[in-house]
N, C-alpha and C. Protein backbone atom coordinates (compact mmCIF):
# COMPACT_ATOMS: atom_id res chain seq x y z
N MET A 1 0.72 -1.02 -0.03
CA MET A 1 0.09 0.18 0.02
C MET A 1 0.77 0.96 0.09
N LEU A 2 1.83 1.11 0.61
CA LEU A 2 2.83 2.18 0.60
C LEU A 2 3.43 2.82 -0.47
N TYR A 3 3.52 1.67 -1.57
CA TYR A 3 4.13 1.92 -2.69
C TYR A 3 3.18 2.48 -3.82
N LEU A 4 2.08 2.05 -3.41
CA LEU A 4 0.76 2.41 -4.37
C LEU A 4 0.84 4.06 -3.98
N ALA A 5 0.89 4.37 -2.82
CA ALA A 5 1.10 5.82 -2.46
C ALA A 5 2.08 6.80 -2.95
N VAL A 6 3.16 5.95 -3.22
CA VAL A 6 4.52 6.74 -3.84
C VAL A 6 3.92 6.46 -5.49
N VAL A 7 3.66 5.62 -5.94
CA VAL A 7 3.24 5.98 -7.35
C VAL A 7 1.95 7.25 -7.57
N LEU A 8 1.19 7.16 -6.67
CA LEU A 8 0.12 8.05 -7.05
C LEU A 8 0.79 9.51 -6.74
N PHE A 9 1.83 9.54 -5.79
CA PHE A 9 2.36 10.98 -5.49
C PHE A 9 3.22 11.09 -6.86
N GLN A 10 3.47 10.43 -7.47
CA GLN A 10 4.58 10.81 -8.56
C GLN A 10 3.62 10.97 -9.88
N VAL A 11 2.55 10.29 -10.14
CA VAL A 11 1.64 10.92 -10.97
C VAL A 11 0.73 12.03 -10.94
N ILE A 12 0.65 12.70 -9.59
CA ILE A 12 0.05 13.70 -9.02
C ILE A 12 1.40 14.59 -9.49
N THR A 13 2.06 14.49 -9.28
CA THR A 13 3.20 15.77 -9.25
C THR A 13 3.84 16.01 -10.88
N LEU A 14 3.66 15.35 -11.83
CA LEU A 14 3.91 15.21 -13.20
C LEU A 14 3.52 16.81 -13.68
N PRO A 15 2.23 16.88 -13.52
CA PRO A 15 2.05 18.28 -14.18
C PRO A 15 2.90 19.20 -13.53
N VAL A 16 3.12 19.23 -12.04
CA VAL A 16 3.73 20.39 -11.16
C VAL A 16 5.36 20.57 -12.37
N GLU A 17 5.78 19.37 -12.44
CA GLU A 17 7.42 19.12 -13.14
C GLU A 17 7.20 19.71 -14.80
N PHE A 18 6.12 19.40 -15.21
CA PHE A 18 5.98 20.12 -16.77
C PHE A 18 5.53 21.68 -16.65
N ASN A 19 5.08 22.03 -15.57
CA ASN A 19 4.85 23.68 -15.47
C ASN A 19 5.89 24.31 -15.02
N ALA A 20 6.72 23.50 -14.23
CA ALA A 20 8.02 24.02 -13.58
C ALA A 20 8.93 24.57 -14.81
N SER A 21 9.04 23.45 -15.69
CA SER A 21 10.05 23.71 -16.93
C SER A 21 9.45 24.78 -17.79
N LYS A 22 8.25 25.13 -17.94
CA LYS A 22 7.86 26.05 -18.71
C LYS A 22 7.96 27.27 -17.99
N ARG A 23 7.76 27.55 -16.51
CA ARG A 23 8.10 28.60 -15.90
C ARG A 23 9.57 29.13 -15.91
N ALA A 24 10.43 27.82 -16.18
CA ALA A 24 11.75 28.10 -16.15
C ALA A 24 12.51 28.48 -17.34
N LEU A 25 11.97 27.95 -18.25
CA LEU A 25 11.93 28.41 -19.70
C LEU A 25 11.49 29.99 -19.95
N TYR A 26 10.40 30.53 -19.52
CA TYR A 26 9.96 31.86 -19.40
C TYR A 26 11.01 32.61 -18.79
N GLN A 27 11.32 32.29 -17.67
CA GLN A 27 12.61 33.24 -17.21
C GLN A 27 13.62 33.40 -17.81
N LEU A 28 14.07 32.11 -18.34
CA LEU A 28 15.44 32.38 -19.16
C LEU A 28 15.39 33.14 -20.32
N GLU A 29 13.99 32.91 -20.96
CA GLU A 29 13.93 33.67 -22.23
C GLU A 29 14.02 35.52 -22.18
N ASN A 30 13.49 35.71 -20.58
CA ASN A 30 13.61 36.94 -20.63
C ASN A 30 14.50 37.62 -19.70
N GLY A 31 15.74 37.43 -20.04
CA GLY A 31 16.81 38.29 -19.83
C GLY A 31 18.24 37.36 -19.27
N ILE A 32 17.85 35.97 -18.88
CA ILE A 32 18.92 35.44 -18.56
C ILE A 32 19.87 34.85 -19.43
N ILE A 33 19.56 34.27 -20.77
CA ILE A 33 20.07 33.71 -21.99
C ILE A 33 20.03 34.38 -22.95
N PHE A 34 20.93 33.96 -24.03
CA PHE A 34 20.67 35.04 -25.40
C PHE A 34 19.78 34.13 -26.37
N LYS A 35 18.89 34.96 -27.03
CA LYS A 35 18.02 34.39 -27.99
C LYS A 35 18.80 32.98 -28.46
N ASP A 36 19.50 32.99 -29.22
CA ASP A 36 20.31 31.83 -29.72
C ASP A 36 20.36 30.65 -29.09
N GLU A 37 20.36 30.61 -27.67
CA GLU A 37 20.30 29.55 -26.65
C GLU A 37 18.84 29.14 -26.28
N VAL A 38 18.03 29.85 -26.63
CA VAL A 38 16.49 29.41 -26.17
C VAL A 38 16.21 27.94 -26.65
N LYS A 39 16.54 27.22 -27.94
CA LYS A 39 16.23 25.85 -28.05
C LYS A 39 16.75 24.93 -27.52
N ALA A 40 18.12 25.40 -27.21
CA ALA A 40 18.82 24.37 -26.54
C ALA A 40 18.33 24.13 -24.87
N SER A 41 18.31 25.51 -24.66
CA SER A 41 17.12 25.54 -23.25
C SER A 41 16.03 24.68 -22.92
N LYS A 42 15.54 24.81 -23.95
CA LYS A 42 14.18 24.30 -23.92
C LYS A 42 14.14 22.73 -24.11
N ASP A 43 15.40 22.26 -25.15
CA ASP A 43 15.43 20.99 -25.06
C ASP A 43 15.69 20.26 -23.85
N VAL A 44 16.56 21.05 -22.88
CA VAL A 44 17.30 20.27 -21.74
C VAL A 44 16.23 20.14 -20.66
N LEU A 45 15.14 21.16 -20.52
CA LEU A 45 14.16 21.79 -19.48
C LEU A 45 13.38 20.25 -20.10
N THR A 46 12.99 20.23 -21.30
CA THR A 46 12.04 19.10 -21.75
C THR A 46 12.59 17.88 -21.13
N ALA A 47 13.98 17.11 -21.53
CA ALA A 47 14.54 16.20 -21.18
C ALA A 47 14.52 15.91 -19.62
N ALA A 48 14.60 16.96 -19.20
CA ALA A 48 14.63 16.94 -17.50
C ALA A 48 13.21 16.81 -17.00
N ALA A 49 12.09 16.84 -17.66
CA ALA A 49 10.79 16.59 -17.21
C ALA A 49 10.29 15.61 -17.52
N LEU A 50 10.75 15.04 -18.67
CA LEU A 50 10.69 13.66 -19.22
C LEU A 50 11.16 12.29 -18.30
N THR A 51 12.55 12.80 -17.50
CA THR A 51 12.65 12.01 -16.53
C THR A 51 11.73 11.54 -15.28
N TYR A 52 11.03 12.64 -15.34
CA TYR A 52 10.00 12.05 -14.10
C TYR A 52 8.97 11.72 -14.98
N VAL A 53 8.68 11.51 -16.05
CA VAL A 53 7.80 10.81 -16.92
C VAL A 53 8.34 9.31 -16.75
N ALA A 54 9.50 8.86 -17.17
CA ALA A 54 10.08 7.56 -17.10
C ALA A 54 10.09 6.92 -15.88
N ALA A 55 10.26 7.81 -14.78
CA ALA A 55 10.57 7.29 -13.12
C ALA A 55 8.97 7.12 -13.13
N THR A 56 8.23 7.80 -13.46
CA THR A 56 6.41 7.25 -12.90
C THR A 56 6.19 6.00 -13.86
N LEU A 57 6.20 5.96 -14.68
CA LEU A 57 6.28 4.73 -15.76
C LEU A 57 6.97 3.43 -15.26
N VAL A 58 8.33 3.62 -14.53
CA VAL A 58 9.04 2.84 -14.18
C VAL A 58 8.33 2.45 -12.76
N ALA A 59 7.66 3.33 -11.78
CA ALA A 59 7.24 3.00 -10.48
C ALA A 59 5.80 2.24 -10.76
N ILE A 60 5.03 2.69 -11.79
CA ILE A 60 3.81 1.97 -12.34
C ILE A 60 4.01 0.57 -12.67
N GLY A 61 5.00 0.47 -13.46
CA GLY A 61 5.37 -1.03 -13.51
C GLY A 61 5.74 -1.78 -12.67
N GLN A 62 6.64 -1.48 -12.09
CA GLN A 62 7.41 -1.98 -10.49
C GLN A 62 5.77 -2.38 -9.76
N LEU A 63 4.89 -1.51 -9.44
CA LEU A 63 3.86 -1.84 -8.89
C LEU A 63 2.72 -2.78 -9.12
N LEU A 64 2.71 -2.88 -10.66
CA LEU A 64 2.19 -3.92 -11.34
C LEU A 64 2.60 -5.33 -11.02
N ARG A 65 3.84 -5.46 -11.09
CA ARG A 65 5.01 -6.64 -10.93
C ARG A 65 4.48 -6.96 -9.35
N LEU A 66 4.59 -5.71 -8.29
CA LEU A 66 4.59 -6.40 -6.82
C LEU A 66 2.94 -6.98 -6.95
N LEU A 67 2.00 -6.23 -7.54
CA LEU A 67 0.84 -6.62 -7.37
C LEU A 67 0.64 -8.30 -7.75
N SER A 68 1.00 -8.50 -8.97
CA SER A 68 1.25 -9.98 -9.69
C SER A 68 1.74 -10.76 -8.82
N ILE A 69 3.02 -10.45 -8.12
CA ILE A 69 3.63 -11.51 -7.42
C ILE A 69 2.78 -11.71 -5.73
N SER A 70 1.95 -10.71 -5.34
CA SER A 70 1.32 -10.74 -4.14
C SER A 70 0.24 -11.53 -4.79
N ASN A 71 -0.29 -11.48 -5.69
CA ASN A 71 -1.82 -12.67 -6.08
C ASN A 71 -1.25 -13.67 -6.60
N ARG A 72 -0.05 -14.08 -7.05
CA ARG A 72 0.52 -15.23 -7.29
C ARG A 72 0.49 -16.19 -5.87
N ASN A 73 0.90 -15.19 -5.05
CA ASN A 73 1.29 -15.95 -3.50
C ASN A 73 0.32 -16.29 -3.05
N ARG A 74 -0.73 -15.44 -3.00
CA ARG A 74 -2.25 -16.08 -2.56
C ARG A 74 -3.06 -17.26 -3.18
N ASP A 75 -2.60 -17.53 -4.21
CA ASP A 75 -3.26 -18.67 -4.80
C ASP A 75 -2.51 -19.92 -4.45
């Protein structure tokens, strides 16, 4: 049950992470980086946000695996 809580927390925080990347890019575009660096910065921030997606997918897969093992042991 505790692992289910972790997975739910990760799913809930995904939109927060994507929003944080968008806000960071907005801040960078408005005075911190040069115009020719915007695309590279966007790529890096997108990759950072996608690491959270990958971690969430792995956690969901692990949860399904644990549930499968738990159900197999009950039979």
